[in-house]
Amino acid sequence: MKKQLFICLLLLATIVLRGQDSQSCISQLDGNEDRKAQIGQLMTCLYSKTNQPELGEVITSILDYDTFSATYGDSEDFNVYTSKWAPADGRNIEGSVYAFLSRQIAVPDFRGMFLRGLNSMAPDRGEMGLIANQRDPEANRNVGEFQLDALQGHWHELGSAAGDIGNARGNVRGTGNALARPADGAKNGNISKAVYAIADGENGIPRISKETRPKNVAVYYYIRIN
C-alpha cells in the first residue's frame, strides 16, 4: 500500500510539472471501491497520463480507426489541426505539428508494409557496429522511403533427373531470371523455363504467391501528428 501511494505521488508530481490535468483521474474514482482498489485505479490513470506517445511515434493496433480515435479522444472525422493521431496511409497532414517538425506534408504510407530500421539511427554513431548480414544493402535511404520487394541473387544447380534432362547441367532462364550454374565438364543444355515448384520430400509443399514474404499478422499503423 505504501509503495503504491509513493508511486502515485511521483506520477502526480510529474503531471503537475507538465501542466497536465490530474483532477480528472481523481474524479473518476469509484467511491464504492475499497482503498486499495482506489489507489490501483488512480495509479493506472496517472500512469496513462505520463506515458503519452510522442510526436512522430508509430504504433500498431488491432482497433480500426473509428474505435482507435474514440479510445484516444479524437473525433471520428479526421482533422489535420486537432486530431492527435493519423492512420499511416500517406495522407496529407500539412498544418499539423508533425508536418512542421518533420518538414513532411504527408505521413508515411505503411499500408501492406513491413517496417525496417535505417542503417543509421543517429549521426554520432552512424553504421558503427552494424553487422553485414543485418545491414540494408540499399544505403543512404530516407526515413519513410518505400523499398520494393526483392529476391537475393543466387544460382540454381540442376542435379541428375533420369528421363528428364539426364545428367546435363545447363543454363536455366525462368521467371525471376534465375540462372543454373553449369558444372565443370558437364554438357550444357538449354531449358526454356521452370514450370512448377514441387516438394522435396522434407520441407512440405511450396507456397507460391505474387510476392516473397515471411509469415505475418495484419495490423493497423497509426502515427502521432499533434
Foldseek 3Di string as FASTA:
>chain_A
DVVLVVLLVVLVVLCVVVVHDLVVQVVPFDPVDDPVVSSVSSNVVSVVVNDDDDAFDKDWAADDQQVVCVVVVHDSDDDLDPRQKDFQQFDFSPPFQSCVVVVDRTHAHCVVHDDADACQDDPVCRNPPPDPVNHDPPHPDDPSDDDDAADDADAAADQADPPPPGGATEFAQAPVRHTHDGDPPHHYDYDDYDDDDADPVPDDGDDDDPGDDDDDDDITMMGGGD
